[in-house]
């Protein structure tokens, strides 16, 4: 796995992950929704770039998040992307964020290839 500060990428398995640290927590002591959205958006970028064999990741046109369970300090969160449709101008995909077997968030997005 390669590292990009606190985000980890396994290009072969197309997994993007992060260990939740104190700097990722909100005042409630759980992972900030903005950090989880960033993790999902980063996963979309890595996977869609690799799938399209492009030099640059696509631009996010729309990103929707559903938060289902909290991620606590020390949790290992993995993001896995499914590509649903690649059109001429838009790409539709979804992403599941898990802590172990627990689904903590899901994201859906629309992307513009560049």
N, C-alpha and C. Protein backbone atom coordinates (compact mmCIF):
# COMPACT_ATOMS: atom_id res chain seq x y z
N UNK A 1 0.82 -1.18 0.00
CA UNK A 1 0.00 0.00 0.00
C UNK A 1 0.87 1.24 0.00
N UNK A 2 0.50 2.17 -0.84
CA UNK A 2 1.19 3.46 -0.87
C UNK A 2 0.51 4.40 0.11
N UNK A 3 1.23 5.40 0.56
CA UNK A 3 0.65 6.36 1.50
C UNK A 3 0.69 7.77 0.93
N UNK A 4 -0.34 8.51 1.18
CA UNK A 4 -0.43 9.93 0.82
C UNK A 4 -0.83 10.63 2.11
N UNK A 5 0.13 10.90 2.96
CA UNK A 5 -0.07 11.41 4.31
C UNK A 5 -0.89 10.39 5.09
N UNK A 6 -2.15 10.67 5.43
CA UNK A 6 -2.90 9.71 6.24
C UNK A 6 -3.88 8.88 5.43
N UNK A 7 -3.79 8.92 4.11
CA UNK A 7 -4.65 8.11 3.25
C UNK A 7 -3.78 7.06 2.56
N UNK A 8 -4.28 5.80 2.55
CA UNK A 8 -3.54 4.68 2.01
C UNK A 8 -4.26 4.16 0.77
N UNK A 9 -3.47 3.74 -0.21
CA UNK A 9 -4.04 3.28 -1.47
C UNK A 9 -3.45 1.91 -1.82
N UNK A 10 -4.32 0.96 -2.11
CA UNK A 10 -3.91 -0.33 -2.65
C UNK A 10 -4.43 -0.36 -4.08
N UNK A 11 -3.56 0.00 -5.02
CA UNK A 11 -3.97 0.15 -6.42
C UNK A 11 -4.44 -1.17 -7.02
N UNK A 12 -3.83 -2.28 -6.63
CA UNK A 12 -4.22 -3.57 -7.21
C UNK A 12 -5.64 -3.95 -6.81
N UNK A 13 -5.99 -3.74 -5.54
CA UNK A 13 -7.33 -4.10 -5.08
C UNK A 13 -8.31 -2.95 -5.21
N UNK A 14 -7.80 -1.78 -5.61
CA UNK A 14 -8.62 -0.57 -5.76
C UNK A 14 -9.33 -0.23 -4.45
N UNK A 15 -8.54 -0.20 -3.38
CA UNK A 15 -9.03 0.18 -2.06
C UNK A 15 -8.29 1.43 -1.62
N UNK A 16 -9.03 2.37 -1.09
CA UNK A 16 -8.46 3.56 -0.47
C UNK A 16 -8.91 3.51 0.99
N UNK A 17 -7.98 3.73 1.91
CA UNK A 17 -8.31 3.57 3.33
C UNK A 17 -7.59 4.61 4.17
N UNK A 18 -8.06 4.73 5.42
CA UNK A 18 -7.42 5.64 6.37
C UNK A 18 -7.66 5.13 7.78
N UNK A 19 -6.71 5.38 8.65
CA UNK A 19 -6.87 5.14 10.08
C UNK A 19 -7.39 6.44 10.68
N UNK A 20 -8.50 6.37 11.38
CA UNK A 20 -9.08 7.56 11.99
C UNK A 20 -8.18 7.98 13.16
N UNK A 21 -7.71 9.22 13.10
CA UNK A 21 -6.84 9.77 14.13
C UNK A 21 -7.54 10.95 14.79
N UNK A 22 -6.98 11.45 15.87
CA UNK A 22 -7.62 12.53 16.61
C UNK A 22 -7.88 13.77 15.74
N UNK A 23 -7.02 14.03 14.77
CA UNK A 23 -7.23 15.21 13.91
C UNK A 23 -8.41 15.04 12.97
N UNK A 24 -8.95 13.82 12.82
CA UNK A 24 -10.10 13.57 11.96
C UNK A 24 -11.42 13.65 12.72
N UNK A 25 -11.36 13.85 14.03
CA UNK A 25 -12.57 13.80 14.85
C UNK A 25 -13.28 15.14 14.93
N UNK A 26 -14.60 15.07 15.05
CA UNK A 26 -15.40 16.28 15.28
C UNK A 26 -15.59 16.46 16.79
N UNK A 27 -16.30 17.48 17.23
CA UNK A 27 -16.48 17.70 18.67
C UNK A 27 -17.19 16.55 19.40
N UNK A 28 -17.89 15.69 18.67
CA UNK A 28 -18.56 14.54 19.29
C UNK A 28 -17.61 13.36 19.51
N UNK A 29 -16.36 13.48 19.01
CA UNK A 29 -15.38 12.42 19.19
C UNK A 29 -15.48 11.30 18.16
N UNK A 30 -16.17 11.57 17.05
CA UNK A 30 -16.26 10.59 15.96
C UNK A 30 -15.70 11.23 14.69
N UNK A 31 -15.43 10.41 13.68
CA UNK A 31 -14.85 10.93 12.44
C UNK A 31 -15.77 12.01 11.85
N UNK A 32 -15.16 13.12 11.48
CA UNK A 32 -15.88 14.23 10.87
C UNK A 32 -16.42 13.79 9.52
N UNK A 33 -17.67 14.16 9.25
CA UNK A 33 -18.28 13.80 7.97
C UNK A 33 -17.51 14.33 6.79
N UNK A 34 -16.89 15.50 6.94
CA UNK A 34 -16.09 16.06 5.86
C UNK A 34 -14.87 15.21 5.54
N UNK A 35 -14.28 14.61 6.59
CA UNK A 35 -13.14 13.72 6.34
C UNK A 35 -13.59 12.47 5.60
N UNK A 36 -14.74 11.90 6.00
CA UNK A 36 -15.24 10.70 5.31
C UNK A 36 -15.61 11.02 3.87
N UNK A 37 -16.17 12.22 3.62
CA UNK A 37 -16.48 12.63 2.25
C UNK A 37 -15.20 12.79 1.44
N UNK A 38 -14.16 13.32 2.06
CA UNK A 38 -12.86 13.46 1.37
C UNK A 38 -12.29 12.09 1.04
N UNK A 39 -12.40 11.15 1.97
CA UNK A 39 -11.93 9.79 1.72
C UNK A 39 -12.67 9.16 0.54
N UNK A 40 -14.00 9.32 0.51
CA UNK A 40 -14.79 8.78 -0.59
C UNK A 40 -14.41 9.44 -1.91
N UNK A 41 -14.30 10.76 -1.93
CA UNK A 41 -13.96 11.48 -3.16
C UNK A 41 -12.57 11.09 -3.65
N UNK A 42 -11.65 10.90 -2.72
CA UNK A 42 -10.30 10.46 -3.09
C UNK A 42 -10.33 9.06 -3.69
N UNK A 43 -11.14 8.18 -3.10
CA UNK A 43 -11.27 6.82 -3.64
C UNK A 43 -11.85 6.85 -5.04
N UNK A 44 -12.89 7.67 -5.25
CA UNK A 44 -13.44 7.81 -6.59
C UNK A 44 -12.35 8.22 -7.57
N UNK A 45 -11.58 9.23 -7.21
CA UNK A 45 -10.53 9.73 -8.10
C UNK A 45 -9.52 8.67 -8.48
N UNK A 46 -9.02 7.94 -7.47
CA UNK A 46 -8.02 6.90 -7.76
C UNK A 46 -8.58 5.80 -8.64
N UNK A 47 -9.75 5.30 -8.29
CA UNK A 47 -10.32 4.16 -9.02
C UNK A 47 -10.75 4.57 -10.43
N UNK A 48 -11.42 5.71 -10.57
CA UNK A 48 -11.87 6.13 -11.90
C UNK A 48 -10.70 6.48 -12.81
N UNK A 49 -9.65 7.06 -12.24
CA UNK A 49 -8.46 7.35 -13.04
C UNK A 49 -7.83 6.05 -13.55
N UNK A 50 -7.70 5.06 -12.66
CA UNK A 50 -7.09 3.78 -13.05
C UNK A 50 -7.96 3.06 -14.07
N UNK A 51 -9.27 3.07 -13.86
CA UNK A 51 -10.17 2.37 -14.78
C UNK A 51 -10.18 2.99 -16.16
N UNK A 52 -10.06 4.32 -16.22
CA UNK A 52 -10.07 5.01 -17.50
C UNK A 52 -8.71 5.16 -18.13
N UNK A 53 -7.68 4.72 -17.40
CA UNK A 53 -6.30 4.83 -17.86
C UNK A 53 -6.00 6.25 -18.33
N UNK A 54 -6.34 7.21 -17.48
CA UNK A 54 -6.12 8.62 -17.79
C UNK A 54 -4.96 9.17 -16.95
N UNK A 55 -4.42 10.28 -17.40
CA UNK A 55 -3.36 10.94 -16.66
C UNK A 55 -3.90 11.67 -15.43
N UNK A 56 -5.17 12.08 -15.48
CA UNK A 56 -5.76 12.85 -14.40
C UNK A 56 -7.06 12.19 -13.95
N UNK A 57 -7.40 12.35 -12.67
CA UNK A 57 -8.70 11.83 -12.23
C UNK A 57 -9.82 12.70 -12.77
N UNK A 58 -11.04 12.15 -12.86
CA UNK A 58 -12.15 12.96 -13.34
C UNK A 58 -12.52 14.03 -12.31
N UNK A 59 -13.21 15.04 -12.77
CA UNK A 59 -13.67 16.12 -11.91
C UNK A 59 -15.01 15.71 -11.29
N UNK A 60 -15.15 15.94 -10.00
CA UNK A 60 -16.40 15.62 -9.32
C UNK A 60 -17.44 16.68 -9.64
N UNK A 61 -18.56 16.24 -10.24
CA UNK A 61 -19.66 17.16 -10.55
C UNK A 61 -20.70 17.13 -9.44
N UNK A 62 -20.87 15.95 -8.81
CA UNK A 62 -21.85 15.81 -7.74
C UNK A 62 -21.37 14.70 -6.80
N UNK A 63 -21.49 14.94 -5.50
CA UNK A 63 -21.11 13.94 -4.50
C UNK A 63 -22.17 13.95 -3.40
N UNK A 64 -22.77 12.80 -3.17
CA UNK A 64 -23.79 12.66 -2.14
C UNK A 64 -23.31 11.65 -1.11
N UNK A 65 -23.45 11.99 0.16
CA UNK A 65 -23.01 11.10 1.25
C UNK A 65 -24.21 10.73 2.12
N UNK A 66 -24.24 9.47 2.54
CA UNK A 66 -25.17 8.98 3.55
C UNK A 66 -24.33 8.43 4.68
N UNK A 67 -24.49 8.99 5.87
CA UNK A 67 -23.73 8.55 7.04
C UNK A 67 -24.60 7.58 7.84
N UNK A 68 -24.09 6.37 8.04
CA UNK A 68 -24.90 5.30 8.62
C UNK A 68 -24.48 4.90 10.03
N UNK A 69 -23.21 5.06 10.36
CA UNK A 69 -22.70 4.69 11.68
C UNK A 69 -21.43 5.50 11.93
N UNK A 70 -21.09 5.73 13.19
CA UNK A 70 -19.89 6.52 13.49
C UNK A 70 -18.61 5.70 13.30
N UNK A 71 -17.55 6.41 12.95
CA UNK A 71 -16.21 5.82 12.93
C UNK A 71 -15.45 6.49 14.07
N UNK A 72 -14.92 5.68 14.96
CA UNK A 72 -14.27 6.20 16.17
C UNK A 72 -12.76 6.28 16.00
N UNK A 73 -12.13 6.97 16.90
CA UNK A 73 -10.67 7.12 16.89
C UNK A 73 -10.00 5.75 16.83
N UNK A 74 -9.07 5.59 15.93
CA UNK A 74 -8.35 4.33 15.76
C UNK A 74 -8.96 3.39 14.75
N UNK A 75 -10.17 3.67 14.30
CA UNK A 75 -10.85 2.78 13.33
C UNK A 75 -10.13 2.81 11.99
N UNK A 76 -10.10 1.67 11.32
CA UNK A 76 -9.56 1.55 9.96
C UNK A 76 -10.75 1.59 9.01
N UNK A 77 -10.82 2.61 8.17
CA UNK A 77 -11.94 2.79 7.25
C UNK A 77 -11.46 2.51 5.84
N UNK A 78 -12.15 1.57 5.17
CA UNK A 78 -11.82 1.24 3.78
C UNK A 78 -12.93 1.72 2.86
N UNK A 79 -12.54 2.31 1.75
CA UNK A 79 -13.48 2.79 0.74
C UNK A 79 -13.31 1.94 -0.51
N UNK A 80 -14.42 1.39 -0.98
CA UNK A 80 -14.42 0.57 -2.20
C UNK A 80 -15.42 1.17 -3.19
N UNK A 81 -14.97 1.32 -4.41
CA UNK A 81 -15.75 2.01 -5.45
C UNK A 81 -16.32 1.01 -6.44
N UNK A 82 -17.57 1.23 -6.83
CA UNK A 82 -18.20 0.50 -7.93
C UNK A 82 -18.55 1.52 -9.01
N UNK A 83 -18.13 1.22 -10.22
CA UNK A 83 -18.43 2.08 -11.36
C UNK A 83 -19.70 1.54 -12.01
N UNK A 84 -20.72 2.39 -12.14
CA UNK A 84 -22.01 1.94 -12.67
C UNK A 84 -22.17 2.23 -14.15
N UNK A 85 -21.72 3.39 -14.59
CA UNK A 85 -21.85 3.73 -16.01
C UNK A 85 -20.78 4.72 -16.40
N UNK A 86 -20.14 4.43 -17.52
CA UNK A 86 -19.17 5.36 -18.10
C UNK A 86 -19.76 5.80 -19.44
N UNK A 87 -20.17 7.05 -19.48
CA UNK A 87 -20.70 7.61 -20.71
C UNK A 87 -19.66 8.47 -21.40
N UNK A 88 -20.06 9.08 -22.48
CA UNK A 88 -19.13 9.96 -23.20
C UNK A 88 -18.77 11.19 -22.39
N UNK A 89 -19.73 11.69 -21.61
CA UNK A 89 -19.49 12.94 -20.88
C UNK A 89 -19.57 12.82 -19.37
N UNK A 90 -20.17 11.75 -18.86
CA UNK A 90 -20.33 11.60 -17.42
C UNK A 90 -20.03 10.17 -16.98
N UNK A 91 -19.60 10.03 -15.75
CA UNK A 91 -19.37 8.72 -15.13
C UNK A 91 -20.20 8.70 -13.85
N UNK A 92 -20.91 7.60 -13.62
CA UNK A 92 -21.69 7.41 -12.40
C UNK A 92 -21.06 6.28 -11.60
N UNK A 93 -20.87 6.52 -10.30
CA UNK A 93 -20.24 5.51 -9.45
C UNK A 93 -20.75 5.64 -8.02
N UNK A 94 -20.51 4.59 -7.24
CA UNK A 94 -20.84 4.63 -5.81
C UNK A 94 -19.66 4.10 -5.02
N UNK A 95 -19.66 4.40 -3.74
CA UNK A 95 -18.55 4.03 -2.87
C UNK A 95 -19.11 3.63 -1.51
N UNK A 96 -18.65 2.51 -0.98
CA UNK A 96 -19.03 2.06 0.35
C UNK A 96 -17.82 2.23 1.28
N UNK A 97 -18.04 2.84 2.43
CA UNK A 97 -17.00 3.00 3.44
C UNK A 97 -17.32 2.06 4.59
N UNK A 98 -16.38 1.19 4.91
CA UNK A 98 -16.57 0.18 5.95
C UNK A 98 -15.49 0.25 7.00
N UNK A 99 -15.90 -0.04 8.24
CA UNK A 99 -14.97 -0.34 9.35
C UNK A 99 -15.16 -1.83 9.60
N UNK A 100 -14.22 -2.64 9.13
CA UNK A 100 -14.41 -4.09 9.21
C UNK A 100 -15.62 -4.48 8.39
N UNK A 101 -16.57 -5.18 9.02
CA UNK A 101 -17.78 -5.61 8.33
C UNK A 101 -18.91 -4.59 8.41
N UNK A 102 -18.70 -3.50 9.15
CA UNK A 102 -19.76 -2.52 9.35
C UNK A 102 -19.72 -1.42 8.30
N UNK A 103 -20.84 -1.24 7.61
CA UNK A 103 -20.98 -0.15 6.65
C UNK A 103 -21.23 1.13 7.43
N UNK A 104 -20.32 2.10 7.30
CA UNK A 104 -20.48 3.35 8.06
C UNK A 104 -20.97 4.51 7.20
N UNK A 105 -20.73 4.44 5.90
CA UNK A 105 -21.19 5.51 5.00
C UNK A 105 -21.22 4.98 3.57
N UNK A 106 -22.05 5.62 2.78
CA UNK A 106 -22.06 5.31 1.35
C UNK A 106 -22.11 6.63 0.61
N UNK A 107 -21.48 6.62 -0.54
CA UNK A 107 -21.42 7.82 -1.36
C UNK A 107 -21.82 7.48 -2.78
N UNK A 108 -22.40 8.45 -3.45
CA UNK A 108 -22.65 8.30 -4.89
C UNK A 108 -22.16 9.58 -5.54
N UNK A 109 -21.71 9.42 -6.76
CA UNK A 109 -21.15 10.59 -7.42
C UNK A 109 -21.31 10.56 -8.92
N UNK A 110 -21.23 11.75 -9.49
CA UNK A 110 -21.21 11.95 -10.93
C UNK A 110 -19.92 12.68 -11.24
N UNK A 111 -19.21 12.22 -12.26
CA UNK A 111 -17.87 12.73 -12.55
C UNK A 111 -17.74 13.04 -14.03
N UNK A 112 -16.89 14.03 -14.32
CA UNK A 112 -16.63 14.46 -15.69
C UNK A 112 -15.19 14.08 -16.02
N UNK A 113 -15.00 13.20 -17.02
CA UNK A 113 -13.61 12.85 -17.39
C UNK A 113 -12.90 14.05 -18.01
N UNK A 114 -11.61 14.18 -17.70
CA UNK A 114 -10.81 15.26 -18.28
C UNK A 114 -9.70 14.69 -19.11
